[in-house]
Amino acid sequence: MFILGPGTHWASISFGGGGFNVGFYIGVAQCLIDHSVTFDKALGVSSGFLGALALMGEISASKALWASDQMHSSYSLFSPIKFRDSLMPMLYRGFRTGTYERIRGKVYLAYLELPSRRSVYKTVFSSDEDFRKSFIGASCIPGITSSMPFY
């Protein structure tokens, strides 16, 4: 039996994908933080990466929800370019400088490369820019990315 109680410590946690689930992921992360439940590592697929970052203290719950709202409000299947152009500035405001260094070995971004269908688990980023572009590339946005999350 597993007991996830206040003040417990676990090896890892995984947040799935699905852009409209991000509010749930952030809520779970905030609840775990509020109850001092800690983890060595967190993995996130697509929007679940925001939950993993929130749990590990790299983005506040309010900023993660704001980022998700910005992503959803600007996306349109008829205008993926407008979405892409609005997304990068939002990521610059949402993440602190040096995030890529602090998450190394602690927060993993998971995605499936296309067309090879190779599973990728990335935790080492060369810069904040590489970190942001990897997040966008792993988010399976039709018309923009060449990867897809695997759930």
C-alpha atoms as a PDB file:
ATOM      1  CA  MET A   1       0.000   0.000   0.000  1.00  0.00           C
ATOM      2  CA  PHE A   2       1.227   3.500  -0.852  1.00  0.00           C
ATOM      3  CA  ILE A   3       0.564   6.359   1.515  1.00  0.00           C
ATOM      4  CA  LEU A   4       0.907   9.852   0.107  1.00  0.00           C
ATOM      5  CA  GLY A   5       0.656  11.877   3.281  1.00  0.00           C
ATOM      6  CA  PRO A   6       1.916  15.224   4.526  1.00  0.00           C
ATOM      7  CA  GLY A   7       5.693  15.415   4.731  1.00  0.00           C
ATOM      8  CA  THR A   8       6.356  12.246   2.711  1.00  0.00           C
ATOM      9  CA  HIS A   9       9.095  11.942   0.101  1.00  0.00           C
ATOM     10  CA  TRP A  10       8.943  10.016  -3.187  1.00  0.00           C
ATOM     11  CA  ALA A  11      11.391   9.242  -5.969  1.00  0.00           C
ATOM     12  CA  SER A  12       9.363  10.529  -8.912  1.00  0.00           C
ATOM     13  CA  ILE A  13       6.024  11.659 -10.318  1.00  0.00           C
ATOM     14  CA  SER A  14       4.707  11.918 -13.855  1.00  0.00           C
ATOM     15  CA  PHE A  15       2.205  14.368 -15.356  1.00  0.00           C
ATOM     16  CA  GLY A  16       0.474  13.326 -18.601  1.00  0.00           C
ATOM     17  CA  GLY A  17      -0.342  15.469 -21.589  1.00  0.00           C
ATOM     18  CA  GLY A  18      -3.518  17.111 -22.766  1.00  0.00           C
ATOM     19  CA  GLY A  19      -3.595  20.901 -22.876  1.00  0.00           C
ATOM     20  CA  PHE A  20      -6.937  21.288 -21.173  1.00  0.00           C
ATOM     21  CA  ASN A  21      -5.794  19.141 -18.226  1.00  0.00           C
ATOM     22  CA  VAL A  22      -3.142  21.647 -17.184  1.00  0.00           C
ATOM     23  CA  GLY A  23      -5.417  23.200 -14.539  1.00  0.00           C
ATOM     24  CA  PHE A  24      -5.721  19.782 -12.924  1.00  0.00           C
ATOM     25  CA  TYR A  25      -1.938  19.238 -13.050  1.00  0.00           C
ATOM     26  CA  ILE A  26      -1.265  22.618 -11.474  1.00  0.00           C
ATOM     27  CA  GLY A  27      -3.856  21.922  -8.768  1.00  0.00           C
ATOM     28  CA  VAL A  28      -2.241  18.585  -7.955  1.00  0.00           C
ATOM     29  CA  ALA A  29       1.215  20.199  -7.860  1.00  0.00           C
ATOM     30  CA  GLN A  30      -0.013  22.982  -5.563  1.00  0.00           C
ATOM     31  CA  CYS A  31      -1.743  20.494  -3.235  1.00  0.00           C
ATOM     32  CA  LEU A  32       1.430  18.396  -2.980  1.00  0.00           C
ATOM     33  CA  ILE A  33       3.484  21.514  -2.256  1.00  0.00           C
ATOM     34  CA  ASP A  34       0.976  22.690   0.362  1.00  0.00           C
ATOM     35  CA  HIS A  35       1.235  19.320   2.130  1.00  0.00           C
ATOM     36  CA  SER A  36       5.057  19.163   1.938  1.00  0.00           C
ATOM     37  CA  VAL A  37       5.069  16.063  -0.269  1.00  0.00           C
ATOM     38  CA  THR A  38       8.388  16.113  -2.138  1.00  0.00           C
ATOM     39  CA  PHE A  39       9.891  14.292  -5.104  1.00  0.00           C
ATOM     40  CA  ASP A  40      13.420  13.808  -6.446  1.00  0.00           C
ATOM     41  CA  LYS A  41      12.265  13.956 -10.069  1.00  0.00           C
ATOM     42  CA  ALA A  42       9.223  15.004 -12.072  1.00  0.00           C
ATOM     43  CA  LEU A  43       8.347  14.127 -15.661  1.00  0.00           C
ATOM     44  CA  GLY A  44       5.880  15.984 -17.845  1.00  0.00           C
ATOM     45  CA  VAL A  45       4.410  15.216 -21.245  1.00  0.00           C
ATOM     46  CA  SER A  46       3.319  18.285 -23.234  1.00  0.00           C
ATOM     47  CA  SER A  47       1.195  20.438 -20.906  1.00  0.00           C
ATOM     48  CA  GLY A  48       2.062  18.126 -18.027  1.00  0.00           C
ATOM     49  CA  PHE A  49       5.542  19.667 -18.182  1.00  0.00           C
ATOM     50  CA  LEU A  50       4.031  22.831 -16.655  1.00  0.00           C
ATOM     51  CA  GLY A  51       2.763  20.706 -13.748  1.00  0.00           C
ATOM     52  CA  ALA A  52       6.211  19.160 -13.289  1.00  0.00           C
ATOM     53  CA  LEU A  53       7.845  22.609 -13.332  1.00  0.00           C
ATOM     54  CA  ALA A  54       5.321  23.955 -10.811  1.00  0.00           C
ATOM     55  CA  LEU A  55       5.849  21.008  -8.472  1.00  0.00           C
ATOM     56  CA  MET A  56       9.612  21.469  -8.557  1.00  0.00           C
ATOM     57  CA  GLY A  57       9.300  25.209  -7.852  1.00  0.00           C
ATOM     58  CA  GLU A  58      10.350  26.540 -11.260  1.00  0.00           C
ATOM     59  CA  ILE A  59       7.083  28.285 -12.081  1.00  0.00           C
ATOM     60  CA  SER A  60       4.323  29.452  -9.767  1.00  0.00           C
ATOM     61  CA  ALA A  61       0.876  27.905 -10.064  1.00  0.00           C
ATOM     62  CA  SER A  62      -0.587  31.260 -11.080  1.00  0.00           C
ATOM     63  CA  LYS A  63       2.027  31.754 -13.837  1.00  0.00           C
ATOM     64  CA  ALA A  64       1.526  28.199 -15.106  1.00  0.00           C
ATOM     65  CA  LEU A  65      -2.238  28.719 -15.319  1.00  0.00           C
ATOM     66  CA  TRP A  66      -1.673  32.097 -16.989  1.00  0.00           C
ATOM     67  CA  ALA A  67       0.666  30.451 -19.525  1.00  0.00           C
ATOM     68  CA  SER A  68      -1.911  27.776 -20.262  1.00  0.00           C
ATOM     69  CA  ASP A  69      -4.643  30.375 -20.694  1.00  0.00           C
ATOM     70  CA  GLN A  70      -2.456  32.366 -23.095  1.00  0.00           C
ATOM     71  CA  MET A  71      -1.755  29.239 -25.120  1.00  0.00           C
ATOM     72  CA  HIS A  72      -5.415  28.261 -25.395  1.00  0.00           C
ATOM     73  CA  SER A  73      -6.731  31.755 -26.115  1.00  0.00           C
ATOM     74  CA  SER A  74      -4.323  32.363 -28.999  1.00  0.00           C
ATOM     75  CA  TYR A  75      -4.562  28.947 -30.676  1.00  0.00           C
ATOM     76  CA  SER A  76      -6.672  28.374 -33.756  1.00  0.00           C
ATOM     77  CA  LEU A  77      -6.471  25.488 -36.217  1.00  0.00           C
ATOM     78  CA  PHE A  78      -6.900  28.108 -38.910  1.00  0.00           C
ATOM     79  CA  SER A  79      -4.036  30.264 -37.669  1.00  0.00           C
ATOM     80  CA  PRO A  80      -1.207  28.186 -36.133  1.00  0.00           C
ATOM     81  CA  ILE A  81       1.359  30.861 -37.093  1.00  0.00           C
ATOM     82  CA  LYS A  82      -0.398  33.487 -34.925  1.00  0.00           C
ATOM     83  CA  PHE A  83      -0.274  30.994 -32.066  1.00  0.00           C
ATOM     84  CA  ARG A  84       3.445  30.288 -32.524  1.00  0.00           C
ATOM     85  CA  ASP A  85       4.254  34.002 -32.699  1.00  0.00           C
ATOM     86  CA  SER A  86       2.352  34.720 -29.472  1.00  0.00           C
ATOM     87  CA  LEU A  87       3.765  31.720 -27.612  1.00  0.00           C
ATOM     88  CA  MET A  88       7.478  32.568 -27.404  1.00  0.00           C
ATOM     89  CA  PRO A  89       7.006  35.993 -25.743  1.00  0.00           C
ATOM     90  CA  MET A  90       4.664  34.334 -23.231  1.00  0.00           C
ATOM     91  CA  LEU A  91       7.341  31.778 -22.387  1.00  0.00           C
ATOM     92  CA  TYR A  92       9.885  34.534 -21.780  1.00  0.00           C
ATOM     93  CA  ARG A  93       7.585  36.102 -19.176  1.00  0.00           C
ATOM     94  CA  GLY A  94       6.593  32.773 -17.595  1.00  0.00           C
ATOM     95  CA  PHE A  95       9.989  31.221 -16.859  1.00  0.00           C
ATOM     96  CA  ARG A  96      12.852  32.628 -14.828  1.00  0.00           C
ATOM     97  CA  THR A  97      16.330  33.056 -16.312  1.00  0.00           C
ATOM     98  CA  GLY A  98      18.476  29.980 -15.710  1.00  0.00           C
ATOM     99  CA  THR A  99      15.597  27.517 -15.489  1.00  0.00           C
ATOM    100  CA  TYR A 100      17.436  25.167 -17.827  1.00  0.00           C
ATOM    101  CA  GLU A 101      20.309  24.871 -15.300  1.00  0.00           C
ATOM    102  CA  ARG A 102      18.143  24.372 -12.211  1.00  0.00           C
ATOM    103  CA  ILE A 103      15.976  21.604 -13.680  1.00  0.00           C
ATOM    104  CA  ARG A 104      18.870  19.473 -14.988  1.00  0.00           C
ATOM    105  CA  GLY A 105      18.380  15.948 -13.668  1.00  0.00           C
ATOM    106  CA  LYS A 106      15.202  16.920 -11.777  1.00  0.00           C
ATOM    107  CA  VAL A 107      12.533  17.752 -14.373  1.00  0.00           C
ATOM    108  CA  TYR A 108      12.133  15.717 -17.556  1.00  0.00           C
ATOM    109  CA  LEU A 109      10.305  16.647 -20.739  1.00  0.00           C
ATOM    110  CA  ALA A 110       8.923  13.572 -22.532  1.00  0.00           C
ATOM    111  CA  TYR A 111       7.813  13.372 -26.152  1.00  0.00           C
ATOM    112  CA  LEU A 112       7.724  11.148 -29.214  1.00  0.00           C
ATOM    113  CA  GLU A 113       9.808  12.264 -32.209  1.00  0.00           C
ATOM    114  CA  LEU A 114       8.180  12.017 -35.595  1.00  0.00           C
ATOM    115  CA  PRO A 115       8.509  10.344 -38.055  1.00  0.00           C
ATOM    116  CA  SER A 116      10.984   8.013 -36.246  1.00  0.00           C
ATOM    117  CA  ARG A 117       8.543   7.493 -33.324  1.00  0.00           C
ATOM    118  CA  ARG A 118      11.528   7.517 -30.962  1.00  0.00           C
ATOM    119  CA  SER A 119      10.753   8.203 -27.282  1.00  0.00           C
ATOM    120  CA  VAL A 120      12.702  11.159 -25.898  1.00  0.00           C
ATOM    121  CA  TYR A 121      13.186  12.078 -22.236  1.00  0.00           C
ATOM    122  CA  LYS A 122      15.043  15.368 -22.073  1.00  0.00           C
ATOM    123  CA  THR A 123      16.443  16.957 -18.919  1.00  0.00           C
ATOM    124  CA  VAL A 124      19.621  18.602 -20.259  1.00  0.00           C
ATOM    125  CA  PHE A 125      19.124  21.863 -22.127  1.00  0.00           C
ATOM    126  CA  SER A 126      21.927  24.044 -23.483  1.00  0.00           C
ATOM    127  CA  SER A 127      20.260  27.391 -22.715  1.00  0.00           C
ATOM    128  CA  ASP A 128      16.974  29.012 -21.717  1.00  0.00           C
ATOM    129  CA  GLU A 129      16.215  29.345 -25.428  1.00  0.00           C
ATOM    130  CA  ASP A 130      16.798  25.614 -26.000  1.00  0.00           C
ATOM    131  CA  PHE A 131      14.554  24.887 -22.984  1.00  0.00           C
ATOM    132  CA  ARG A 132      11.721  27.056 -24.374  1.00  0.00           C
ATOM    133  CA  LYS A 133      11.995  25.668 -27.897  1.00  0.00           C
ATOM    134  CA  SER A 134      12.060  22.101 -26.590  1.00  0.00           C
ATOM    135  CA  PHE A 135       8.877  22.741 -24.606  1.00  0.00           C
ATOM    136  CA  ILE A 136       7.158  24.147 -27.701  1.00  0.00           C
ATOM    137  CA  GLY A 137       8.466  21.326 -29.884  1.00  0.00           C
ATOM    138  CA  ALA A 138       7.196  18.670 -27.493  1.00  0.00           C
ATOM    139  CA  SER A 139       3.719  20.140 -27.182  1.00  0.00           C
ATOM    140  CA  CYS A 140       2.166  18.533 -30.298  1.00  0.00           C
ATOM    141  CA  ILE A 141       0.687  21.673 -31.815  1.00  0.00           C
ATOM    142  CA  PRO A 142      -0.833  20.889 -35.226  1.00  0.00           C
ATOM    143  CA  GLY A 143       0.868  22.841 -38.007  1.00  0.00           C
ATOM    144  CA  ILE A 144       3.795  23.878 -35.803  1.00  0.00           C
ATOM    145  CA  THR A 145       5.611  20.906 -34.276  1.00  0.00           C
ATOM    146  CA  SER A 146       6.996  17.645 -35.621  1.00  0.00           C
ATOM    147  CA  SER A 147       6.578  15.715 -32.399  1.00  0.00           C
ATOM    148  CA  MET A 148       3.736  14.357 -30.404  1.00  0.00           C
ATOM    149  CA  PRO A 149       3.252  13.483 -26.765  1.00  0.00           C
ATOM    150  CA  PHE A 150       2.815   9.846 -25.899  1.00  0.00           C
ATOM    151  CA  TYR A 151       0.097   9.191 -23.396  1.00  0.00           C
END
